[in-house]
Amino acid sequence: MAYEDCTYHGVQDGPESDSSDAEEWQPARVPVEKPEFGPTERQDVTVLRELTEPETGGFGWGYNGGGTSAAAAPILADALDLGDPDTCGIGYAAYPEDELHA
């Protein structure tokens, strides 16, 4: 794969919503976008693709928990063009449950 400059944009509550809105909660998404001029420019963004949420759990960030790993693995696999994160061995689901604590 040729190098492609892109931005991974995590959207927690759905498009154009605020957690205080009365709108129905939507699953987190990670669109891969073509960067615009400037670090905060967000008008007419071109979405190149959207990463698929793993079946084992949803994306999340900003806390300690499985959601951060669920988001990190597909982002890393996409950035390095590794394909499916579980198939290449870095996916959150690729690691077995700790049987000592089950």
N, C-alpha and C. Protein backbone atom coordinates (compact mmCIF):
# COMPACT_ATOMS: atom_id res chain seq x y z
N MET A 1 0.84 -1.18 0.00
CA MET A 1 0.00 0.00 0.00
C MET A 1 0.89 1.24 0.00
N ALA A 2 0.56 2.19 -0.82
CA ALA A 2 1.26 3.46 -0.84
C ALA A 2 0.85 4.27 0.39
N TYR A 3 1.75 5.09 0.88
CA TYR A 3 1.45 5.91 2.05
C TYR A 3 0.26 6.81 1.77
N GLU A 4 -0.62 6.88 2.72
CA GLU A 4 -1.82 7.71 2.59
C GLU A 4 -1.97 8.53 3.86
N ASP A 5 -1.90 9.85 3.73
CA ASP A 5 -2.07 10.72 4.88
C ASP A 5 -3.54 10.72 5.25
N CYS A 6 -3.86 10.35 6.48
CA CYS A 6 -5.26 10.30 6.90
C CYS A 6 -5.38 10.58 8.39
N THR A 7 -6.58 10.86 8.81
CA THR A 7 -6.90 11.14 10.21
C THR A 7 -7.94 10.13 10.67
N TYR A 8 -7.71 9.52 11.82
CA TYR A 8 -8.67 8.59 12.43
C TYR A 8 -9.47 9.41 13.43
N HIS A 9 -10.74 9.57 13.15
CA HIS A 9 -11.60 10.45 13.94
C HIS A 9 -12.60 9.62 14.74
N GLY A 10 -12.39 9.53 16.04
CA GLY A 10 -13.32 8.79 16.90
C GLY A 10 -14.56 9.60 17.19
N VAL A 11 -15.73 9.00 16.95
CA VAL A 11 -17.01 9.66 17.21
C VAL A 11 -17.76 8.78 18.20
N GLN A 12 -17.93 9.24 19.44
CA GLN A 12 -18.49 8.40 20.49
C GLN A 12 -20.01 8.32 20.47
N ASP A 13 -20.71 9.45 20.32
CA ASP A 13 -22.17 9.44 20.45
C ASP A 13 -22.91 9.53 19.13
N GLY A 14 -22.24 9.37 18.04
CA GLY A 14 -22.89 9.48 16.74
C GLY A 14 -22.61 10.83 16.12
N PRO A 15 -22.99 10.99 14.86
CA PRO A 15 -22.66 12.22 14.14
C PRO A 15 -23.40 13.44 14.70
N GLU A 16 -22.62 14.48 14.92
CA GLU A 16 -23.15 15.79 15.34
C GLU A 16 -24.06 15.71 16.56
N SER A 17 -23.69 14.90 17.52
CA SER A 17 -24.49 14.84 18.74
C SER A 17 -23.61 15.15 19.93
N ASP A 18 -24.23 15.52 21.01
CA ASP A 18 -23.57 15.83 22.26
C ASP A 18 -24.13 14.86 23.29
N SER A 19 -23.31 14.41 24.22
CA SER A 19 -23.77 13.43 25.20
C SER A 19 -24.92 13.97 26.06
N SER A 20 -25.11 15.29 26.08
CA SER A 20 -26.22 15.86 26.84
C SER A 20 -27.50 15.97 26.01
N ASP A 21 -27.42 15.69 24.71
CA ASP A 21 -28.60 15.75 23.85
C ASP A 21 -29.58 14.65 24.23
N ALA A 22 -30.82 14.85 23.88
CA ALA A 22 -31.85 13.84 24.13
C ALA A 22 -31.89 12.79 23.02
N GLU A 23 -30.99 12.90 22.04
CA GLU A 23 -30.97 11.95 20.94
C GLU A 23 -30.63 10.55 21.46
N GLU A 24 -31.10 9.54 20.74
CA GLU A 24 -30.82 8.16 21.10
C GLU A 24 -29.33 7.88 20.93
N TRP A 25 -28.76 7.11 21.87
CA TRP A 25 -27.35 6.76 21.83
C TRP A 25 -27.05 5.94 20.59
N GLN A 26 -25.91 6.18 19.99
CA GLN A 26 -25.48 5.44 18.81
C GLN A 26 -24.11 4.83 19.10
N PRO A 27 -23.80 3.69 18.48
CA PRO A 27 -22.48 3.07 18.70
C PRO A 27 -21.35 4.00 18.25
N ALA A 28 -20.19 3.84 18.86
CA ALA A 28 -19.02 4.62 18.48
C ALA A 28 -18.58 4.24 17.07
N ARG A 29 -17.98 5.22 16.38
CA ARG A 29 -17.51 5.00 15.02
C ARG A 29 -16.10 5.55 14.89
N VAL A 30 -15.36 5.03 13.92
CA VAL A 30 -14.03 5.57 13.61
C VAL A 30 -13.94 5.75 12.09
N PRO A 31 -14.37 6.93 11.59
CA PRO A 31 -14.16 7.22 10.18
C PRO A 31 -12.70 7.58 9.92
N VAL A 32 -12.19 7.14 8.78
CA VAL A 32 -10.84 7.48 8.34
C VAL A 32 -11.02 8.59 7.31
N GLU A 33 -10.44 9.76 7.61
CA GLU A 33 -10.72 10.95 6.82
C GLU A 33 -9.46 11.49 6.14
N LYS A 34 -9.67 12.15 5.02
CA LYS A 34 -8.60 12.88 4.35
C LYS A 34 -8.39 14.16 5.14
N PRO A 35 -7.17 14.44 5.59
CA PRO A 35 -6.94 15.63 6.41
C PRO A 35 -7.23 16.92 5.65
N GLU A 36 -7.74 17.87 6.36
CA GLU A 36 -8.00 19.21 5.82
C GLU A 36 -6.89 20.14 6.28
N PHE A 37 -6.88 21.33 5.76
CA PHE A 37 -5.88 22.33 6.14
C PHE A 37 -6.08 22.72 7.60
N GLY A 38 -5.03 22.64 8.39
CA GLY A 38 -5.09 23.04 9.80
C GLY A 38 -5.53 21.90 10.69
N PRO A 39 -5.09 21.90 11.94
CA PRO A 39 -5.38 20.79 12.86
C PRO A 39 -6.83 20.68 13.30
N THR A 40 -7.61 21.75 13.20
CA THR A 40 -9.00 21.71 13.68
C THR A 40 -10.01 21.95 12.58
N GLU A 41 -9.57 21.97 11.33
CA GLU A 41 -10.47 22.21 10.21
C GLU A 41 -11.38 21.00 10.03
N ARG A 42 -12.72 21.20 10.05
CA ARG A 42 -13.63 20.07 9.96
C ARG A 42 -14.82 20.39 9.06
N GLN A 43 -14.62 21.16 8.02
CA GLN A 43 -15.71 21.48 7.09
C GLN A 43 -15.55 20.66 5.82
N ASP A 44 -16.63 20.08 5.35
CA ASP A 44 -16.62 19.29 4.11
C ASP A 44 -15.52 18.22 4.13
N VAL A 45 -15.48 17.45 5.19
CA VAL A 45 -14.47 16.40 5.35
C VAL A 45 -14.76 15.25 4.40
N THR A 46 -13.73 14.72 3.77
CA THR A 46 -13.85 13.57 2.89
C THR A 46 -13.56 12.31 3.70
N VAL A 47 -14.56 11.44 3.84
CA VAL A 47 -14.37 10.17 4.55
C VAL A 47 -13.89 9.14 3.54
N LEU A 48 -12.71 8.60 3.78
CA LEU A 48 -12.11 7.61 2.89
C LEU A 48 -12.71 6.23 3.12
N ARG A 49 -12.94 5.90 4.38
CA ARG A 49 -13.54 4.63 4.78
C ARG A 49 -13.89 4.73 6.25
N GLU A 50 -14.60 3.75 6.75
CA GLU A 50 -14.95 3.71 8.17
C GLU A 50 -14.55 2.34 8.72
N LEU A 51 -13.86 2.34 9.85
CA LEU A 51 -13.41 1.08 10.44
C LEU A 51 -14.59 0.34 11.04
N THR A 52 -14.55 -0.97 10.91
CA THR A 52 -15.63 -1.82 11.41
C THR A 52 -15.42 -2.12 12.88
N GLU A 53 -16.47 -1.94 13.66
CA GLU A 53 -16.42 -2.24 15.09
C GLU A 53 -16.30 -3.75 15.28
N PRO A 54 -15.42 -4.21 16.18
CA PRO A 54 -15.28 -5.66 16.38
C PRO A 54 -16.53 -6.27 17.00
N GLU A 55 -16.80 -7.53 16.66
CA GLU A 55 -17.97 -8.21 17.20
C GLU A 55 -17.86 -8.43 18.70
N THR A 56 -16.64 -8.48 19.22
CA THR A 56 -16.43 -8.77 20.64
C THR A 56 -16.66 -7.59 21.55
N GLY A 57 -16.82 -6.40 21.01
CA GLY A 57 -17.05 -5.23 21.84
C GLY A 57 -16.90 -3.96 21.05
N GLY A 58 -17.49 -2.90 21.55
CA GLY A 58 -17.48 -1.64 20.83
C GLY A 58 -16.23 -0.82 21.05
N PHE A 59 -16.04 0.17 20.18
CA PHE A 59 -14.93 1.10 20.32
C PHE A 59 -15.13 1.96 21.55
N GLY A 60 -14.06 2.39 22.13
CA GLY A 60 -14.10 3.31 23.25
C GLY A 60 -12.73 3.93 23.44
N TRP A 61 -12.65 5.02 24.17
CA TRP A 61 -11.38 5.67 24.43
C TRP A 61 -11.54 6.56 25.65
N GLY A 62 -10.43 6.93 26.24
CA GLY A 62 -10.44 7.85 27.36
C GLY A 62 -10.65 7.19 28.71
N TYR A 63 -10.55 5.90 28.81
CA TYR A 63 -10.69 5.20 30.09
C TYR A 63 -9.98 3.86 29.98
N ASN A 64 -9.78 3.22 31.13
CA ASN A 64 -9.19 1.88 31.12
C ASN A 64 -10.30 0.87 30.94
N GLY A 65 -10.23 0.09 29.92
CA GLY A 65 -11.25 -0.91 29.64
C GLY A 65 -11.03 -1.51 28.27
N GLY A 66 -11.86 -2.45 27.90
CA GLY A 66 -11.72 -3.15 26.63
C GLY A 66 -11.97 -2.29 25.42
N GLY A 67 -12.74 -1.22 25.55
CA GLY A 67 -13.05 -0.37 24.40
C GLY A 67 -11.84 0.29 23.80
N THR A 68 -10.84 0.62 24.63
CA THR A 68 -9.63 1.25 24.12
C THR A 68 -8.85 0.27 23.25
N SER A 69 -8.76 -0.98 23.69
CA SER A 69 -8.08 -2.01 22.89
C SER A 69 -8.87 -2.33 21.64
N ALA A 70 -10.21 -2.32 21.76
CA ALA A 70 -11.07 -2.59 20.61
C ALA A 70 -10.91 -1.51 19.55
N ALA A 71 -10.61 -0.28 19.94
CA ALA A 71 -10.38 0.80 18.99
C ALA A 71 -8.95 0.79 18.45
N ALA A 72 -7.98 0.50 19.31
CA ALA A 72 -6.58 0.57 18.91
C ALA A 72 -6.21 -0.46 17.86
N ALA A 73 -6.68 -1.69 18.01
CA ALA A 73 -6.29 -2.76 17.09
C ALA A 73 -6.71 -2.48 15.64
N PRO A 74 -7.97 -2.11 15.36
CA PRO A 74 -8.33 -1.82 13.97
C PRO A 74 -7.62 -0.59 13.40
N ILE A 75 -7.36 0.42 14.25
CA ILE A 75 -6.66 1.61 13.78
C ILE A 75 -5.23 1.25 13.40
N LEU A 76 -4.54 0.49 14.25
CA LEU A 76 -3.17 0.08 13.95
C LEU A 76 -3.12 -0.82 12.71
N ALA A 77 -4.03 -1.77 12.63
CA ALA A 77 -4.07 -2.68 11.48
C ALA A 77 -4.32 -1.90 10.19
N ASP A 78 -5.21 -0.90 10.24
CA ASP A 78 -5.49 -0.10 9.06
C ASP A 78 -4.28 0.75 8.67
N ALA A 79 -3.66 1.40 9.66
CA ALA A 79 -2.52 2.28 9.38
C ALA A 79 -1.34 1.50 8.79
N LEU A 80 -1.16 0.25 9.22
CA LEU A 80 -0.04 -0.56 8.73
C LEU A 80 -0.44 -1.49 7.59
N ASP A 81 -1.70 -1.38 7.14
CA ASP A 81 -2.23 -2.21 6.05
C ASP A 81 -2.05 -3.71 6.33
N LEU A 82 -2.43 -4.12 7.55
CA LEU A 82 -2.30 -5.51 7.97
C LEU A 82 -3.55 -6.34 7.71
N GLY A 83 -4.63 -5.70 7.33
CA GLY A 83 -5.89 -6.42 7.12
C GLY A 83 -6.65 -6.55 8.43
N ASP A 84 -7.36 -7.66 8.58
CA ASP A 84 -8.18 -7.89 9.77
C ASP A 84 -7.29 -8.00 11.00
N PRO A 85 -7.56 -7.22 12.07
CA PRO A 85 -6.71 -7.26 13.25
C PRO A 85 -6.67 -8.62 13.94
N ASP A 86 -7.77 -9.35 13.94
CA ASP A 86 -7.78 -10.67 14.57
C ASP A 86 -6.96 -11.68 13.77
N THR A 87 -7.05 -11.61 12.45
CA THR A 87 -6.31 -12.52 11.58
C THR A 87 -4.80 -12.29 11.70
N CYS A 88 -4.39 -11.02 11.82
CA CYS A 88 -2.95 -10.74 11.90
C CYS A 88 -2.42 -10.86 13.33
N GLY A 89 -3.29 -11.15 14.30
CA GLY A 89 -2.84 -11.45 15.65
C GLY A 89 -2.77 -10.28 16.61
N ILE A 90 -3.28 -9.10 16.23
CA ILE A 90 -3.23 -7.97 17.16
C ILE A 90 -4.61 -7.59 17.68
N GLY A 91 -5.63 -8.28 17.24
CA GLY A 91 -6.99 -7.95 17.64
C GLY A 91 -7.27 -8.28 19.09
N TYR A 92 -8.17 -7.54 19.66
CA TYR A 92 -8.58 -7.74 21.05
C TYR A 92 -9.14 -9.14 21.25
N ALA A 93 -9.86 -9.66 20.27
CA ALA A 93 -10.46 -11.00 20.38
C ALA A 93 -9.43 -12.10 20.18
N ALA A 94 -8.23 -11.77 19.70
CA ALA A 94 -7.20 -12.77 19.46
C ALA A 94 -6.61 -13.31 20.76
N TYR A 95 -6.81 -12.59 21.85
CA TYR A 95 -6.25 -13.02 23.13
C TYR A 95 -7.31 -13.75 23.93
N PRO A 96 -7.00 -14.94 24.43
CA PRO A 96 -7.99 -15.71 25.20
C PRO A 96 -8.27 -15.09 26.56
N GLU A 97 -9.44 -15.40 27.09
CA GLU A 97 -9.78 -14.95 28.44
C GLU A 97 -8.80 -15.53 29.45
N ASP A 98 -8.53 -14.81 30.50
CA ASP A 98 -7.66 -15.28 31.58
C ASP A 98 -8.45 -16.31 32.39
N GLU A 99 -8.12 -17.58 32.25
CA GLU A 99 -8.87 -18.64 32.89
C GLU A 99 -8.77 -18.63 34.41
N LEU A 100 -7.73 -17.99 34.96
CA LEU A 100 -7.58 -17.92 36.41
C LEU A 100 -8.65 -17.05 37.05
N HIS A 101 -9.15 -16.08 36.32
CA HIS A 101 -10.12 -15.15 36.86
C HIS A 101 -11.52 -15.36 36.29
N ALA A 102 -11.70 -16.41 35.52
CA ALA A 102 -13.01 -16.66 34.89
C ALA A 102 -13.99 -17.23 35.87
